[in-house]
Amino acid sequence: MKPSTSNQPITHSIEINFNQRWSIYYRLQQLEIPCSCLTNQPLQVEINNPSAIAQLCCVVKQSTASRSELIDWLDNCWRIESKRRKNKF
């Protein structure tokens, strides 16, 4: 029987500027997401599960988005939570 490749980690290269690359790298390390970052090379991130994908997207967005984009994102989250609470009761 051939082993399934769906459980194999996938490594992604992320091209971002120098300053953002290191802050993203350190945050991913804190979240225990395997990654590596060599000088003058793209950030390499190992994706093992859907949660790691979501965390990677959030960390990159928080580091690369403008202040107004982040404010809009937060406002949208609050609207979603407010609608969820209204529908719950």
N, C-alpha and C. Protein backbone atom coordinates (compact mmCIF):
# COMPACT_ATOMS: atom_id res chain seq x y z
N MET A 1 0.84 -1.17 0.00
CA MET A 1 0.00 0.00 0.00
C MET A 1 0.89 1.24 0.00
N LYS A 2 0.52 2.21 -0.80
CA LYS A 2 1.27 3.44 -0.92
C LYS A 2 0.90 4.39 0.21
N PRO A 3 1.90 4.95 0.95
CA PRO A 3 1.57 5.88 2.05
C PRO A 3 0.95 7.17 1.51
N SER A 4 0.04 7.71 2.27
CA SER A 4 -0.62 8.96 1.90
C SER A 4 0.35 10.12 2.07
N THR A 5 0.34 11.03 1.10
CA THR A 5 1.19 12.21 1.20
C THR A 5 0.47 13.38 1.84
N SER A 6 -0.81 13.21 2.17
CA SER A 6 -1.58 14.32 2.73
C SER A 6 -1.10 14.72 4.13
N ASN A 7 -0.42 13.83 4.84
CA ASN A 7 0.07 14.16 6.17
C ASN A 7 1.50 14.69 6.16
N GLN A 8 2.08 14.82 4.99
CA GLN A 8 3.45 15.30 4.88
C GLN A 8 3.47 16.83 5.00
N PRO A 9 4.42 17.38 5.75
CA PRO A 9 4.51 18.84 5.85
C PRO A 9 4.87 19.45 4.50
N ILE A 10 4.39 20.64 4.26
CA ILE A 10 4.68 21.38 3.04
C ILE A 10 5.49 22.60 3.43
N THR A 11 6.60 22.83 2.73
CA THR A 11 7.43 23.99 3.00
C THR A 11 7.14 25.07 1.97
N HIS A 12 6.87 26.28 2.45
CA HIS A 12 6.59 27.42 1.58
C HIS A 12 7.68 28.46 1.73
N SER A 13 8.05 29.07 0.62
CA SER A 13 8.96 30.22 0.63
C SER A 13 8.11 31.48 0.62
N ILE A 14 8.41 32.39 1.52
CA ILE A 14 7.65 33.62 1.61
C ILE A 14 8.58 34.79 1.33
N GLU A 15 8.30 35.50 0.25
CA GLU A 15 9.11 36.65 -0.17
C GLU A 15 8.53 37.92 0.46
N ILE A 16 9.20 38.44 1.45
CA ILE A 16 8.81 39.69 2.10
C ILE A 16 10.07 40.49 2.39
N ASN A 17 9.89 41.77 2.68
CA ASN A 17 11.09 42.59 2.87
C ASN A 17 11.87 42.18 4.13
N PHE A 18 13.11 42.61 4.18
CA PHE A 18 14.06 42.19 5.20
C PHE A 18 13.55 42.39 6.62
N ASN A 19 13.08 43.59 6.96
CA ASN A 19 12.65 43.88 8.33
C ASN A 19 11.44 43.05 8.73
N GLN A 20 10.48 42.93 7.84
CA GLN A 20 9.28 42.16 8.14
C GLN A 20 9.60 40.66 8.24
N ARG A 21 10.52 40.21 7.42
CA ARG A 21 10.87 38.78 7.41
C ARG A 21 11.32 38.32 8.78
N TRP A 22 12.19 39.08 9.43
CA TRP A 22 12.71 38.66 10.73
C TRP A 22 11.65 38.72 11.82
N SER A 23 10.81 39.74 11.80
CA SER A 23 9.76 39.80 12.83
C SER A 23 8.76 38.67 12.64
N ILE A 24 8.44 38.33 11.40
CA ILE A 24 7.54 37.21 11.13
C ILE A 24 8.20 35.90 11.56
N TYR A 25 9.47 35.76 11.26
CA TYR A 25 10.22 34.56 11.65
C TYR A 25 10.16 34.35 13.17
N TYR A 26 10.45 35.41 13.92
CA TYR A 26 10.45 35.28 15.39
C TYR A 26 9.06 34.97 15.93
N ARG A 27 8.03 35.58 15.33
CA ARG A 27 6.66 35.30 15.79
C ARG A 27 6.27 33.85 15.49
N LEU A 28 6.64 33.35 14.32
CA LEU A 28 6.34 31.95 13.99
C LEU A 28 7.07 31.00 14.92
N GLN A 29 8.29 31.36 15.31
CA GLN A 29 9.04 30.56 16.29
C GLN A 29 8.28 30.51 17.62
N GLN A 30 7.74 31.65 18.05
CA GLN A 30 6.96 31.69 19.29
C GLN A 30 5.72 30.80 19.20
N LEU A 31 5.14 30.73 18.00
CA LEU A 31 3.95 29.90 17.80
C LEU A 31 4.30 28.44 17.53
N GLU A 32 5.59 28.13 17.58
CA GLU A 32 6.10 26.77 17.37
C GLU A 32 5.78 26.24 15.97
N ILE A 33 5.82 27.14 14.98
CA ILE A 33 5.66 26.75 13.59
C ILE A 33 7.07 26.64 13.01
N PRO A 34 7.46 25.45 12.52
CA PRO A 34 8.82 25.28 12.01
C PRO A 34 9.11 26.22 10.83
N CYS A 35 10.22 26.95 10.94
CA CYS A 35 10.60 27.85 9.87
C CYS A 35 12.10 28.11 9.94
N SER A 36 12.63 28.63 8.84
CA SER A 36 14.04 28.99 8.81
C SER A 36 14.19 30.26 8.00
N CYS A 37 15.22 31.02 8.33
CA CYS A 37 15.42 32.30 7.68
C CYS A 37 16.92 32.55 7.59
N LEU A 38 17.47 32.34 6.41
CA LEU A 38 18.88 32.58 6.18
C LEU A 38 19.08 33.98 5.63
N THR A 39 20.25 34.54 5.81
CA THR A 39 20.55 35.88 5.33
C THR A 39 20.34 35.96 3.82
N ASN A 40 19.65 36.99 3.39
CA ASN A 40 19.36 37.26 1.98
C ASN A 40 18.62 36.12 1.28
N GLN A 41 17.84 35.37 2.02
CA GLN A 41 17.04 34.28 1.46
C GLN A 41 15.59 34.45 1.92
N PRO A 42 14.64 33.89 1.15
CA PRO A 42 13.24 33.97 1.59
C PRO A 42 13.02 33.18 2.87
N LEU A 43 12.01 33.57 3.59
CA LEU A 43 11.60 32.84 4.79
C LEU A 43 11.00 31.51 4.35
N GLN A 44 11.44 30.42 4.96
CA GLN A 44 10.92 29.09 4.67
C GLN A 44 10.04 28.67 5.84
N VAL A 45 8.78 28.32 5.56
CA VAL A 45 7.84 27.96 6.60
C VAL A 45 7.29 26.57 6.30
N GLU A 46 7.30 25.70 7.32
CA GLU A 46 6.77 24.36 7.19
C GLU A 46 5.33 24.34 7.69
N ILE A 47 4.43 23.95 6.82
CA ILE A 47 3.01 23.91 7.15
C ILE A 47 2.62 22.46 7.42
N ASN A 48 2.20 22.18 8.65
CA ASN A 48 1.85 20.82 9.05
C ASN A 48 0.35 20.59 9.20
N ASN A 49 -0.43 21.67 9.34
CA ASN A 49 -1.86 21.51 9.60
C ASN A 49 -2.60 22.81 9.26
N PRO A 50 -3.91 22.76 9.18
CA PRO A 50 -4.70 23.96 8.86
C PRO A 50 -4.49 25.11 9.85
N SER A 51 -4.28 24.78 11.10
CA SER A 51 -4.05 25.82 12.10
C SER A 51 -2.78 26.61 11.78
N ALA A 52 -1.74 25.93 11.33
CA ALA A 52 -0.48 26.60 10.96
C ALA A 52 -0.70 27.54 9.78
N ILE A 53 -1.55 27.14 8.84
CA ILE A 53 -1.85 28.01 7.70
C ILE A 53 -2.54 29.28 8.18
N ALA A 54 -3.53 29.13 9.03
CA ALA A 54 -4.27 30.28 9.55
C ALA A 54 -3.34 31.21 10.34
N GLN A 55 -2.49 30.63 11.19
CA GLN A 55 -1.56 31.45 11.98
C GLN A 55 -0.57 32.17 11.08
N LEU A 56 -0.06 31.48 10.07
CA LEU A 56 0.87 32.11 9.13
C LEU A 56 0.20 33.29 8.44
N CYS A 57 -1.02 33.11 7.94
CA CYS A 57 -1.74 34.19 7.27
C CYS A 57 -1.92 35.40 8.19
N CYS A 58 -2.30 35.14 9.43
CA CYS A 58 -2.51 36.23 10.39
C CYS A 58 -1.22 36.96 10.72
N VAL A 59 -0.15 36.21 10.93
CA VAL A 59 1.13 36.83 11.28
C VAL A 59 1.63 37.69 10.11
N VAL A 60 1.54 37.17 8.89
CA VAL A 60 1.99 37.94 7.72
C VAL A 60 1.13 39.19 7.56
N LYS A 61 -0.18 39.03 7.70
CA LYS A 61 -1.08 40.18 7.55
C LYS A 61 -0.77 41.25 8.60
N GLN A 62 -0.58 40.85 9.84
CA GLN A 62 -0.30 41.82 10.91
C GLN A 62 1.02 42.56 10.66
N SER A 63 1.95 41.91 10.00
CA SER A 63 3.26 42.53 9.76
C SER A 63 3.31 43.35 8.49
N THR A 64 2.43 43.07 7.53
CA THR A 64 2.54 43.73 6.23
C THR A 64 1.41 44.71 5.94
N ALA A 65 0.29 44.59 6.63
CA ALA A 65 -0.86 45.46 6.35
C ALA A 65 -0.64 46.86 6.92
N SER A 66 -1.30 47.80 6.29
CA SER A 66 -1.24 49.17 6.79
C SER A 66 -2.10 49.29 8.04
N ARG A 67 -1.91 50.38 8.75
CA ARG A 67 -2.69 50.61 9.98
C ARG A 67 -4.19 50.64 9.66
N SER A 68 -4.58 51.31 8.59
CA SER A 68 -6.00 51.40 8.24
C SER A 68 -6.57 50.03 7.85
N GLU A 69 -5.78 49.21 7.18
CA GLU A 69 -6.24 47.85 6.85
C GLU A 69 -6.47 47.03 8.11
N LEU A 70 -5.57 47.17 9.08
CA LEU A 70 -5.72 46.44 10.34
C LEU A 70 -6.93 46.90 11.12
N ILE A 71 -7.19 48.21 11.10
CA ILE A 71 -8.37 48.75 11.78
C ILE A 71 -9.64 48.20 11.12
N ASP A 72 -9.68 48.20 9.79
CA ASP A 72 -10.84 47.65 9.07
C ASP A 72 -11.03 46.17 9.40
N TRP A 73 -9.93 45.43 9.46
CA TRP A 73 -9.97 44.00 9.78
C TRP A 73 -10.56 43.78 11.17
N LEU A 74 -10.10 44.56 12.15
CA LEU A 74 -10.60 44.45 13.51
C LEU A 74 -12.08 44.84 13.60
N ASP A 75 -12.45 45.92 12.92
CA ASP A 75 -13.87 46.32 12.90
C ASP A 75 -14.74 45.21 12.33
N ASN A 76 -14.28 44.57 11.28
CA ASN A 76 -15.04 43.48 10.67
C ASN A 76 -15.18 42.31 11.64
N CYS A 77 -14.13 42.00 12.37
CA CYS A 77 -14.19 40.92 13.38
C CYS A 77 -15.23 41.24 14.44
N TRP A 78 -15.26 42.49 14.88
CA TRP A 78 -16.24 42.90 15.90
C TRP A 78 -17.66 42.78 15.36
N ARG A 79 -17.87 43.17 14.08
CA ARG A 79 -19.21 43.06 13.47
C ARG A 79 -19.64 41.60 13.40
N ILE A 80 -18.74 40.72 13.00
CA ILE A 80 -19.05 39.29 12.92
C ILE A 80 -19.42 38.75 14.29
N GLU A 81 -18.64 39.10 15.30
CA GLU A 81 -18.91 38.63 16.67
C GLU A 81 -20.25 39.17 17.16
N SER A 82 -20.55 40.42 16.86
CA SER A 82 -21.81 41.02 17.28
C SER A 82 -22.99 40.30 16.62
N LYS A 83 -22.89 39.99 15.34
CA LYS A 83 -23.95 39.26 14.65
C LYS A 83 -24.10 37.85 15.22
N ARG A 84 -22.99 37.23 15.54
CA ARG A 84 -23.02 35.87 16.09
C ARG A 84 -23.75 35.87 17.44
N ARG A 85 -23.46 36.86 18.27
CA ARG A 85 -24.12 36.95 19.58
C ARG A 85 -25.61 37.22 19.45
N LYS A 86 -26.01 38.08 18.50
CA LYS A 86 -27.43 38.37 18.30
C LYS A 86 -28.17 37.12 17.84
N ASN A 87 -27.54 36.35 16.96
CA ASN A 87 -28.18 35.13 16.46
C ASN A 87 -28.24 34.02 17.50
N LYS A 88 -27.37 34.09 18.48
CA LYS A 88 -27.32 33.07 19.53
C LYS A 88 -28.51 33.19 20.48
N PHE A 89 -28.97 34.41 20.71
CA PHE A 89 -30.05 34.64 21.68
C PHE A 89 -31.36 34.70 21.00
